[in-house]
Amino acid sequence: MIKTVLFDFDGTLADTAPDLGHALNRLRTARGLPELPLTLIRPRASAGSRGLLNLGFRITPEDDGYAAMRDEFLGYYTQRLCHDTCLFPGVSNLLDRLRLLNIPWGIVTNKPSRFALPLIRQLGLASEVACVVCGDDTNNTKPHPEPLLTACDQTATHPSHCIYLGDDIRDVQASIAAGMRPIVARYGYLGTGLPPEQWGTRDLINHPEELLAYL
C-alpha cells in the first residue's frame, strides 16, 4: 500500500533545463564560444553544474579554474532562476489527484536548498509539499539512500510504503538501496549513459499522470 509519493525535482517535477542552459550559454558567450542548443543541454540538466560545465567546457572539478567557473555559472543561474522553468505538463493534475486521494508527497533532490526552495515557492508548491530534502540537507546525496530515508522519517512513512519518481539512474539506485519502489520518468532528462530500461526497474512512465496507476 502506497502511503507517500516522493519526487525528484529537476527533470521530474520541473523543467529547469532552459534556465540552467541559459546560465551555461552566458558562460560560453562571455568566452567567445557559440551557444549550445537546448536539445544538447537537456540530457545533462539533472547532473547539475558539474555535468553542465563538463558539457560546455570539458572541465571537471579536478581541473584548475573549475571552482571559479562553477561560481560564475551559479551566479548567472541565480539571476534567472525561474524565468523559463515550469512544471512538466500533467504534474499539476497529478498533484491535484494526490490531494484528493489524501496521499502526501515530497521532494528529494540533489539540488542545493538555496536554489530548490525558492523554485518550489515560485512554482506554487510550497504550501502542499509534505517534505523537501535538498542536496545540502544530508551528509550524503543520491545515489546514497540517506536523502530518501530522511524523507521517510519526515513523513513518518516506511520505505516499503513509498514510491520515488525520478529521471536519473541515481534515483533508481537510491530507491533500491532505501527499500522503496523506483519509477522512472521517461519524459525527463535521463542523462547520457545507459538507457532507462537498463537502470534496474521495469516501472517506467511516459507522462506524470501515469503514476496514478501505481497507487
C-alpha atoms as a PDB file:
ATOM      1  CA  MET A   1       0.000   0.000   0.000  1.00  0.00           C
ATOM      2  CA  ILE A   2       1.477   3.343  -1.078  1.00  0.00           C
ATOM      3  CA  LYS A   3       1.171   5.991   1.632  1.00  0.00           C
ATOM      4  CA  THR A   4       3.616   8.627   0.351  1.00  0.00           C
ATOM      5  CA  VAL A   5       4.889   9.625  -3.087  1.00  0.00           C
ATOM      6  CA  LEU A   6       8.362  11.161  -3.381  1.00  0.00           C
ATOM      7  CA  PHE A   7       9.652  13.035  -6.411  1.00  0.00           C
ATOM      8  CA  ASP A   8      12.961  14.127  -7.797  1.00  0.00           C
ATOM      9  CA  PHE A   9      12.827  17.796  -8.812  1.00  0.00           C
ATOM     10  CA  ASP A  10      14.850  18.692 -11.931  1.00  0.00           C
ATOM     11  CA  GLY A  11      13.601  16.670 -14.881  1.00  0.00           C
ATOM     12  CA  THR A  12      10.753  15.068 -12.910  1.00  0.00           C
ATOM     13  CA  LEU A  13       8.526  17.751 -11.408  1.00  0.00           C
ATOM     14  CA  ALA A  14      10.054  20.824 -13.030  1.00  0.00           C
ATOM     15  CA  ASP A  15      11.632  21.511 -16.398  1.00  0.00           C
ATOM     16  CA  THR A  16      14.594  23.582 -15.230  1.00  0.00           C
ATOM     17  CA  ALA A  17      16.787  22.951 -18.282  1.00  0.00           C
ATOM     18  CA  PRO A  18      16.011  26.257 -20.066  1.00  0.00           C
ATOM     19  CA  ASP A  19      17.264  28.409 -17.194  1.00  0.00           C
ATOM     20  CA  LEU A  20      20.236  26.147 -16.469  1.00  0.00           C
ATOM     21  CA  GLY A  21      21.073  26.219 -20.169  1.00  0.00           C
ATOM     22  CA  HIS A  22      20.843  29.993 -20.266  1.00  0.00           C
ATOM     23  CA  ALA A  23      23.420  30.224 -17.476  1.00  0.00           C
ATOM     24  CA  LEU A  24      25.752  27.830 -19.292  1.00  0.00           C
ATOM     25  CA  ASN A  25      25.437  29.743 -22.545  1.00  0.00           C
ATOM     26  CA  ARG A  26      26.203  33.032 -20.794  1.00  0.00           C
ATOM     27  CA  LEU A  27      29.490  31.468 -19.723  1.00  0.00           C
ATOM     28  CA  ARG A  28      30.179  30.343 -23.274  1.00  0.00           C
ATOM     29  CA  THR A  29      29.346  33.629 -24.987  1.00  0.00           C
ATOM     30  CA  ALA A  30      31.450  35.533 -22.445  1.00  0.00           C
ATOM     31  CA  ARG A  31      34.382  33.429 -23.692  1.00  0.00           C
ATOM     32  CA  GLY A  32      33.623  33.855 -27.373  1.00  0.00           C
ATOM     33  CA  LEU A  33      32.021  30.440 -27.802  1.00  0.00           C
ATOM     34  CA  PRO A  34      28.705  29.779 -29.584  1.00  0.00           C
ATOM     35  CA  GLU A  35      25.618  28.914 -27.586  1.00  0.00           C
ATOM     36  CA  LEU A  36      24.705  25.242 -27.239  1.00  0.00           C
ATOM     37  CA  PRO A  37      21.196  24.158 -28.274  1.00  0.00           C
ATOM     38  CA  LEU A  38      18.757  23.173 -25.551  1.00  0.00           C
ATOM     39  CA  THR A  39      18.433  19.712 -27.111  1.00  0.00           C
ATOM     40  CA  LEU A  40      22.080  19.111 -26.222  1.00  0.00           C
ATOM     41  CA  ILE A  41      21.816  20.663 -22.761  1.00  0.00           C
ATOM     42  CA  ARG A  42      18.608  18.936 -21.650  1.00  0.00           C
ATOM     43  CA  PRO A  43      20.037  15.398 -21.121  1.00  0.00           C
ATOM     44  CA  ARG A  44      22.744  16.843 -18.832  1.00  0.00           C
ATOM     45  CA  ALA A  45      20.466  19.092 -16.779  1.00  0.00           C
ATOM     46  CA  SER A  46      19.944  16.580 -13.963  1.00  0.00           C
ATOM     47  CA  ALA A  47      23.715  16.378 -13.473  1.00  0.00           C
ATOM     48  CA  GLY A  48      23.845  19.950 -12.168  1.00  0.00           C
ATOM     49  CA  SER A  49      26.763  22.319 -12.533  1.00  0.00           C
ATOM     50  CA  ARG A  50      29.309  19.508 -12.751  1.00  0.00           C
ATOM     51  CA  GLY A  51      27.623  17.871 -15.710  1.00  0.00           C
ATOM     52  CA  LEU A  52      26.789  21.122 -17.486  1.00  0.00           C
ATOM     53  CA  LEU A  53      30.278  22.590 -17.129  1.00  0.00           C
ATOM     54  CA  ASN A  54      31.729  19.365 -18.458  1.00  0.00           C
ATOM     55  CA  LEU A  55      29.381  19.619 -21.429  1.00  0.00           C
ATOM     56  CA  GLY A  56      30.171  23.242 -22.101  1.00  0.00           C
ATOM     57  CA  PHE A  57      33.905  23.287 -21.425  1.00  0.00           C
ATOM     58  CA  ARG A  58      35.097  19.698 -20.878  1.00  0.00           C
ATOM     59  CA  ILE A  59      36.157  20.769 -17.401  1.00  0.00           C
ATOM     60  CA  THR A  60      35.977  18.649 -14.233  1.00  0.00           C
ATOM     61  CA  PRO A  61      36.199  19.502 -10.524  1.00  0.00           C
ATOM     62  CA  GLU A  62      39.832  18.370 -10.571  1.00  0.00           C
ATOM     63  CA  ASP A  63      40.817  20.985 -13.155  1.00  0.00           C
ATOM     64  CA  ASP A  64      42.299  24.377 -12.322  1.00  0.00           C
ATOM     65  CA  GLY A  65      39.696  27.099 -12.557  1.00  0.00           C
ATOM     66  CA  TYR A  66      36.740  24.806 -12.040  1.00  0.00           C
ATOM     67  CA  ALA A  67      35.608  26.357  -8.748  1.00  0.00           C
ATOM     68  CA  ALA A  68      35.666  29.894 -10.166  1.00  0.00           C
ATOM     69  CA  MET A  69      33.753  28.826 -13.263  1.00  0.00           C
ATOM     70  CA  ARG A  70      31.199  26.966 -11.161  1.00  0.00           C
ATOM     71  CA  ASP A  71      30.639  30.031  -9.007  1.00  0.00           C
ATOM     72  CA  GLU A  72      30.202  32.194 -12.099  1.00  0.00           C
ATOM     73  CA  PHE A  73      27.731  29.696 -13.545  1.00  0.00           C
ATOM     74  CA  LEU A  74      25.718  29.583 -10.317  1.00  0.00           C
ATOM     75  CA  GLY A  75      25.715  33.372 -10.161  1.00  0.00           C
ATOM     76  CA  TYR A  76      24.156  33.550 -13.618  1.00  0.00           C
ATOM     77  CA  TYR A  77      21.669  30.846 -12.662  1.00  0.00           C
ATOM     78  CA  THR A  78      20.637  32.732  -9.527  1.00  0.00           C
ATOM     79  CA  GLN A  79      19.844  35.806 -11.640  1.00  0.00           C
ATOM     80  CA  ARG A  80      17.439  33.819 -13.814  1.00  0.00           C
ATOM     81  CA  LEU A  81      16.263  31.048 -11.525  1.00  0.00           C
ATOM     82  CA  CYS A  82      12.626  30.776 -12.586  1.00  0.00           C
ATOM     83  CA  HIS A  83      12.352  32.673 -15.863  1.00  0.00           C
ATOM     84  CA  ASP A  84      11.525  29.780 -18.209  1.00  0.00           C
ATOM     85  CA  THR A  85      11.339  26.993 -15.625  1.00  0.00           C
ATOM     86  CA  CYS A  86       7.901  25.409 -15.325  1.00  0.00           C
ATOM     87  CA  LEU A  87       6.186  22.241 -14.148  1.00  0.00           C
ATOM     88  CA  PHE A  88       6.070  19.462 -16.701  1.00  0.00           C
ATOM     89  CA  PRO A  89       2.674  19.052 -18.399  1.00  0.00           C
ATOM     90  CA  GLY A  90       0.479  16.819 -16.253  1.00  0.00           C
ATOM     91  CA  VAL A  91       2.310  17.443 -12.976  1.00  0.00           C
ATOM     92  CA  SER A  92      -0.311  19.852 -11.635  1.00  0.00           C
ATOM     93  CA  ASN A  93      -3.091  17.368 -12.417  1.00  0.00           C
ATOM     94  CA  LEU A  94      -1.137  14.575 -10.731  1.00  0.00           C
ATOM     95  CA  LEU A  95      -0.610  16.614  -7.568  1.00  0.00           C
ATOM     96  CA  ASP A  96      -4.295  17.563  -7.530  1.00  0.00           C
ATOM     97  CA  ARG A  97      -5.217  13.875  -7.680  1.00  0.00           C
ATOM     98  CA  LEU A  98      -2.828  13.032  -4.853  1.00  0.00           C
ATOM     99  CA  ARG A  99      -4.516  15.703  -2.753  1.00  0.00           C
ATOM    100  CA  LEU A 100      -7.943  14.221  -3.484  1.00  0.00           C
ATOM    101  CA  LEU A 101      -6.633  10.767  -2.588  1.00  0.00           C
ATOM    102  CA  ASN A 102      -5.189  12.191   0.649  1.00  0.00           C
ATOM    103  CA  ILE A 103      -1.714  10.893  -0.272  1.00  0.00           C
ATOM    104  CA  PRO A 104       1.115  13.190   0.868  1.00  0.00           C
ATOM    105  CA  TRP A 105       4.004  13.868  -1.479  1.00  0.00           C
ATOM    106  CA  GLY A 106       7.524  15.150  -1.028  1.00  0.00           C
ATOM    107  CA  ILE A 107      10.594  16.245  -2.945  1.00  0.00           C
ATOM    108  CA  VAL A 108      14.044  14.668  -2.658  1.00  0.00           C
ATOM    109  CA  THR A 109      16.646  16.409  -4.811  1.00  0.00           C
ATOM    110  CA  ASN A 110      20.399  16.785  -5.047  1.00  0.00           C
ATOM    111  CA  LYS A 111      19.833  20.462  -5.873  1.00  0.00           C
ATOM    112  CA  PRO A 112      21.136  22.762  -3.106  1.00  0.00           C
ATOM    113  CA  SER A 113      18.474  24.359  -0.943  1.00  0.00           C
ATOM    114  CA  ARG A 114      19.389  27.909  -1.990  1.00  0.00           C
ATOM    115  CA  PHE A 115      18.093  27.073  -5.453  1.00  0.00           C
ATOM    116  CA  ALA A 116      15.488  24.399  -4.765  1.00  0.00           C
ATOM    117  CA  LEU A 117      13.494  26.181  -2.049  1.00  0.00           C
ATOM    118  CA  PRO A 118      12.933  29.459  -3.955  1.00  0.00           C
ATOM    119  CA  LEU A 119      11.932  27.478  -7.039  1.00  0.00           C
ATOM    120  CA  ILE A 120       9.465  25.394  -5.063  1.00  0.00           C
ATOM    121  CA  ARG A 121       7.901  28.598  -3.734  1.00  0.00           C
ATOM    122  CA  GLN A 122       7.803  30.333  -7.107  1.00  0.00           C
ATOM    123  CA  LEU A 123       6.208  27.296  -8.748  1.00  0.00           C
ATOM    124  CA  GLY A 124       3.425  27.337  -6.138  1.00  0.00           C
ATOM    125  CA  LEU A 125       4.331  24.027  -4.497  1.00  0.00           C
ATOM    126  CA  ALA A 126       5.463  25.138  -1.046  1.00  0.00           C
ATOM    127  CA  SER A 127       2.035  25.041   0.606  1.00  0.00           C
ATOM    128  CA  GLU A 128       1.339  21.459  -0.445  1.00  0.00           C
ATOM    129  CA  VAL A 129       4.638  19.598  -0.243  1.00  0.00           C
ATOM    130  CA  ALA A 130       4.928  17.356   2.821  1.00  0.00           C
ATOM    131  CA  CYS A 131       8.728  17.379   2.926  1.00  0.00           C
ATOM    132  CA  VAL A 132      11.682  18.736   0.985  1.00  0.00           C
ATOM    133  CA  VAL A 133      15.135  17.147   1.248  1.00  0.00           C
ATOM    134  CA  CYS A 134      17.802  19.057  -0.664  1.00  0.00           C
ATOM    135  CA  GLY A 135      21.360  18.177  -1.588  1.00  0.00           C
ATOM    136  CA  ASP A 136      22.835  20.028   1.373  1.00  0.00           C
ATOM    137  CA  ASP A 137      20.392  18.675   3.954  1.00  0.00           C
ATOM    138  CA  THR A 138      22.100  15.309   4.467  1.00  0.00           C
ATOM    139  CA  ASN A 139      25.654  14.034   4.693  1.00  0.00           C
ATOM    140  CA  ASN A 140      25.194  12.026   1.508  1.00  0.00           C
ATOM    141  CA  THR A 141      23.379  12.702  -1.760  1.00  0.00           C
ATOM    142  CA  LYS A 142      21.755  10.306  -4.213  1.00  0.00           C
ATOM    143  CA  PRO A 143      22.596   7.577  -5.188  1.00  0.00           C
ATOM    144  CA  HIS A 144      23.092   7.114  -1.442  1.00  0.00           C
ATOM    145  CA  PRO A 145      19.765   6.227   0.224  1.00  0.00           C
ATOM    146  CA  GLU A 146      20.145   8.732   3.090  1.00  0.00           C
ATOM    147  CA  PRO A 147      18.090  11.536   1.463  1.00  0.00           C
ATOM    148  CA  LEU A 148      15.188   9.184   0.722  1.00  0.00           C
ATOM    149  CA  LEU A 149      15.310   7.685   4.196  1.00  0.00           C
ATOM    150  CA  THR A 150      15.319  11.205   5.638  1.00  0.00           C
ATOM    151  CA  ALA A 151      12.138  11.961   3.685  1.00  0.00           C
ATOM    152  CA  CYS A 152      10.584   8.791   5.083  1.00  0.00           C
ATOM    153  CA  ASP A 153      11.432   9.936   8.606  1.00  0.00           C
ATOM    154  CA  GLN A 154       9.943  13.369   7.966  1.00  0.00           C
ATOM    155  CA  THR A 155       6.694  11.919   6.627  1.00  0.00           C
ATOM    156  CA  ALA A 156       6.558   9.040   9.142  1.00  0.00           C
ATOM    157  CA  THR A 157       6.355   6.541   6.278  1.00  0.00           C
ATOM    158  CA  HIS A 158       8.105   3.188   5.997  1.00  0.00           C
ATOM    159  CA  PRO A 159      10.170   2.968   2.780  1.00  0.00           C
ATOM    160  CA  SER A 160       8.168  -0.029   1.600  1.00  0.00           C
ATOM    161  CA  HIS A 161       5.094   2.232   1.549  1.00  0.00           C
ATOM    162  CA  CYS A 162       6.779   4.862  -0.663  1.00  0.00           C
ATOM    163  CA  ILE A 163       7.420   5.201  -4.342  1.00  0.00           C
ATOM    164  CA  TYR A 164      10.044   7.511  -5.808  1.00  0.00           C
ATOM    165  CA  LEU A 165       9.737   9.025  -9.276  1.00  0.00           C
ATOM    166  CA  GLY A 166      12.943  10.252 -10.878  1.00  0.00           C
ATOM    167  CA  ASP A 167      14.653  10.704 -14.221  1.00  0.00           C
ATOM    168  CA  ASP A 168      18.218   9.648 -13.451  1.00  0.00           C
ATOM    169  CA  ILE A 169      19.877   6.293 -12.771  1.00  0.00           C
ATOM    170  CA  ARG A 170      20.943   7.650  -9.361  1.00  0.00           C
ATOM    171  CA  ASP A 171      17.266   7.936  -8.446  1.00  0.00           C
ATOM    172  CA  VAL A 172      16.721   4.242  -9.115  1.00  0.00           C
ATOM    173  CA  GLN A 173      19.880   3.256  -7.244  1.00  0.00           C
ATOM    174  CA  ALA A 174      18.916   5.354  -4.218  1.00  0.00           C
ATOM    175  CA  SER A 175      15.368   3.972  -4.203  1.00  0.00           C
ATOM    176  CA  ILE A 176      16.502   0.364  -4.284  1.00  0.00           C
ATOM    177  CA  ALA A 177      19.083   0.996  -1.560  1.00  0.00           C
ATOM    178  CA  ALA A 178      16.397   2.654   0.584  1.00  0.00           C
ATOM    179  CA  GLY A 179      13.964  -0.225   0.119  1.00  0.00           C
ATOM    180  CA  MET A 180      11.330   1.659  -1.847  1.00  0.00           C
ATOM    181  CA  ARG A 181       9.896   1.221  -5.314  1.00  0.00           C
ATOM    182  CA  PRO A 182      11.602   3.261  -8.055  1.00  0.00           C
ATOM    183  CA  ILE A 183       9.681   4.558 -11.052  1.00  0.00           C
ATOM    184  CA  VAL A 184      11.397   6.267 -13.984  1.00  0.00           C
ATOM    185  CA  ALA A 185      10.045   9.445 -15.584  1.00  0.00           C
ATOM    186  CA  ARG A 186      10.850   8.769 -19.220  1.00  0.00           C
ATOM    187  CA  TYR A 187       9.645  12.272 -20.099  1.00  0.00           C
ATOM    188  CA  GLY A 188      12.563  13.708 -18.064  1.00  0.00           C
ATOM    189  CA  TYR A 189      16.225  14.315 -18.858  1.00  0.00           C
ATOM    190  CA  LEU A 190      17.538  10.719 -18.486  1.00  0.00           C
ATOM    191  CA  GLY A 191      21.254  11.557 -18.790  1.00  0.00           C
ATOM    192  CA  THR A 192      23.614  10.248 -21.452  1.00  0.00           C
ATOM    193  CA  GLY A 193      24.540   6.835 -20.042  1.00  0.00           C
ATOM    194  CA  LEU A 194      22.618   3.585 -20.039  1.00  0.00           C
ATOM    195  CA  PRO A 195      19.058   3.706 -21.378  1.00  0.00           C
ATOM    196  CA  PRO A 196      16.447   3.806 -18.585  1.00  0.00           C
ATOM    197  CA  GLU A 197      15.274   0.289 -19.402  1.00  0.00           C
ATOM    198  CA  GLN A 198      18.639  -0.880 -18.025  1.00  0.00           C
ATOM    199  CA  TRP A 199      18.553   1.046 -14.746  1.00  0.00           C
ATOM    200  CA  GLY A 200      17.215  -1.808 -12.661  1.00  0.00           C
ATOM    201  CA  THR A 201      13.448  -1.266 -12.686  1.00  0.00           C
ATOM    202  CA  ARG A 202      10.672  -2.249 -15.064  1.00  0.00           C
ATOM    203  CA  ASP A 203       8.464   0.614 -13.904  1.00  0.00           C
ATOM    204  CA  LEU A 204       8.701   3.458 -16.391  1.00  0.00           C
ATOM    205  CA  ILE A 205       6.111   6.096 -17.259  1.00  0.00           C
ATOM    206  CA  ASN A 206       5.858   8.457 -20.218  1.00  0.00           C
ATOM    207  CA  HIS A 207       3.594  11.045 -18.578  1.00  0.00           C
ATOM    208  CA  PRO A 208       3.269  12.181 -14.947  1.00  0.00           C
ATOM    209  CA  GLU A 209      -0.366  11.132 -14.599  1.00  0.00           C
ATOM    210  CA  GLU A 210       0.568   7.528 -15.416  1.00  0.00           C
ATOM    211  CA  LEU A 211       1.929   7.390 -11.865  1.00  0.00           C
ATOM    212  CA  LEU A 212      -1.656   7.120 -10.612  1.00  0.00           C
ATOM    213  CA  ALA A 213      -1.785   3.534 -11.853  1.00  0.00           C
ATOM    214  CA  TYR A 214       0.744   2.587  -9.147  1.00  0.00           C
ATOM    215  CA  LEU A 215      -1.473   3.861  -6.340  1.00  0.00           C
END
